[in-house]
Amino acid sequence: MLGSKPAGFWRICWKFISPFFLMAIIVFAFVNPQPLKYNEYVYPSWSEMLGWIYALSTVMFVPVVAIITFYRQTGPTCKQKLAQSITPANEHHFITDKGLVKRFEAKHWLHI
């Protein structure tokens, strides 16, 4: 995609830091809801809801597309469907022929 391997800083951010902070912000906002205020003005609830719709509209398609991709895969087991869902198409023959799934190994995810 970029034509070269990204620097270690970006790979660490994409794999660990960004997903952690994104999930932490969303979970914290749902666990500890507080009315939105600016100085003494309290925003109406419909405007807060509209803001949440805008915010979640950018994030909600990630799990939606993941579920659609999972169900479209061909395979007899959920494990094989998951393996094909998270593996590039040009490596699917490793899964179907040999049962080899590099993405199920910890060293794949921890490699930076």
Protein backbone atom coordinates (compact mmCIF):
# COMPACT_ATOMS: atom_id res chain seq x y z
CA MET A 1 0.00 0.00 0.00
CA LEU A 2 2.75 2.46 0.90
CA GLY A 3 5.47 1.00 -1.30
CA SER A 4 7.75 0.46 1.69
CA LYS A 5 7.53 -0.95 5.18
CA PRO A 6 6.30 1.67 7.68
CA ALA A 7 8.58 2.66 10.54
CA GLY A 8 8.28 0.82 13.85
CA PHE A 9 6.55 3.76 15.53
CA TRP A 10 3.62 3.60 13.08
CA ARG A 11 3.28 -0.16 13.32
CA ILE A 12 3.16 0.03 17.13
CA CYS A 13 0.54 2.78 16.93
CA TRP A 14 -1.62 0.88 14.41
CA LYS A 15 -1.42 -2.47 16.23
CA PHE A 16 -1.58 -1.50 19.89
CA ILE A 17 -1.89 2.17 20.87
CA SER A 18 -4.70 3.40 18.60
CA PRO A 19 -7.06 0.43 19.13
CA PHE A 20 -6.51 0.58 22.90
CA PHE A 21 -7.27 4.30 23.18
CA LEU A 22 -10.24 4.11 20.83
CA MET A 23 -11.84 1.29 22.82
CA ALA A 24 -11.00 2.98 26.14
CA ILE A 25 -12.66 6.24 25.08
CA ILE A 26 -15.80 4.54 23.81
CA VAL A 27 -16.13 2.25 26.84
CA PHE A 28 -15.47 5.09 29.30
CA ALA A 29 -18.07 7.27 27.62
CA PHE A 30 -20.71 4.54 27.93
CA VAL A 31 -19.76 3.52 31.49
CA ASN A 32 -19.53 7.04 32.88
CA PRO A 33 -22.03 9.17 30.95
CA GLN A 34 -22.22 12.83 31.85
CA PRO A 35 -24.28 15.58 30.25
CA LEU A 36 -22.38 17.66 27.74
CA LYS A 37 -21.81 21.20 29.10
CA TYR A 38 -20.00 24.31 27.94
CA ASN A 39 -19.61 26.87 30.72
CA GLU A 40 -23.16 26.87 32.17
CA TYR A 41 -24.98 25.78 29.01
CA VAL A 42 -26.14 22.16 29.00
CA TYR A 43 -26.63 20.77 25.50
CA PRO A 44 -29.95 19.07 24.77
CA SER A 45 -30.01 15.29 24.66
CA TRP A 46 -30.89 15.18 20.95
CA SER A 47 -27.67 17.03 20.10
CA GLU A 48 -25.64 14.59 22.20
CA MET A 49 -27.32 11.69 20.41
CA LEU A 50 -26.55 13.27 17.03
CA GLY A 51 -22.92 13.63 18.08
CA TRP A 52 -22.76 9.95 19.08
CA ILE A 53 -24.28 8.95 15.75
CA TYR A 54 -21.62 10.95 13.90
CA ALA A 55 -18.84 9.53 16.05
CA LEU A 56 -19.95 5.90 15.85
CA SER A 57 -20.73 6.11 12.13
CA THR A 58 -17.01 6.09 11.41
CA VAL A 59 -16.28 3.17 13.72
CA MET A 60 -19.32 0.92 13.34
CA PHE A 61 -18.44 -0.29 9.85
CA VAL A 62 -15.34 -2.11 11.07
CA PRO A 63 -17.26 -4.84 12.96
CA VAL A 64 -20.07 -4.84 10.36
CA VAL A 65 -17.65 -5.55 7.50
CA ALA A 66 -15.79 -8.10 9.66
CA ILE A 67 -19.02 -10.04 10.27
CA ILE A 68 -19.99 -9.90 6.58
CA THR A 69 -16.51 -11.08 5.56
CA PHE A 70 -16.66 -13.93 8.08
CA TYR A 71 -19.99 -15.23 6.79
CA ARG A 72 -18.94 -15.00 3.14
CA GLN A 73 -15.93 -17.27 3.64
CA THR A 74 -16.13 -20.89 2.57
CA GLY A 75 -15.06 -23.40 5.13
CA PRO A 76 -16.54 -26.20 7.21
CA THR A 77 -15.60 -24.75 10.62
CA CYS A 78 -15.73 -21.37 12.29
CA LYS A 79 -11.98 -21.57 12.87
CA GLN A 80 -11.30 -21.97 9.13
CA LYS A 81 -13.72 -19.15 8.28
CA LEU A 82 -11.99 -16.89 10.79
CA ALA A 83 -8.58 -17.86 9.40
CA GLN A 84 -9.67 -17.00 5.86
CA SER A 85 -11.25 -13.74 7.05
CA ILE A 86 -8.02 -12.41 8.54
CA THR A 87 -5.67 -13.78 5.85
CA PRO A 88 -4.98 -12.13 2.47
CA ALA A 89 -6.62 -13.94 -0.46
CA ASN A 90 -3.28 -14.88 -2.01
CA GLU A 91 -2.46 -16.94 1.14
CA HIS A 92 -5.77 -18.85 1.35
CA HIS A 93 -4.20 -21.91 -0.26
CA PHE A 94 -1.98 -22.33 2.84
CA ILE A 95 -5.14 -22.67 4.92
CA THR A 96 -7.11 -24.98 2.62
CA ASP A 97 -4.19 -27.21 1.56
CA LYS A 98 -1.95 -27.35 4.61
CA GLY A 99 -4.08 -26.01 7.44
CA LEU A 100 -1.31 -23.51 8.18
CA VAL A 101 -2.52 -20.25 9.71
CA LYS A 102 0.29 -17.87 10.61
CA ARG A 103 -2.16 -15.35 12.04
CA PHE A 104 -3.15 -17.75 14.83
CA GLU A 105 0.37 -17.63 16.23
CA ALA A 106 1.37 -15.01 18.82
CA LYS A 107 4.64 -14.22 17.03
CA HIS A 108 2.68 -12.94 14.04
CA TRP A 109 0.84 -10.34 16.13
CA LEU A 110 3.79 -9.40 18.30
CA HIS A 111 6.18 -8.93 15.37
CA ILE A 112 6.84 -5.24 14.94
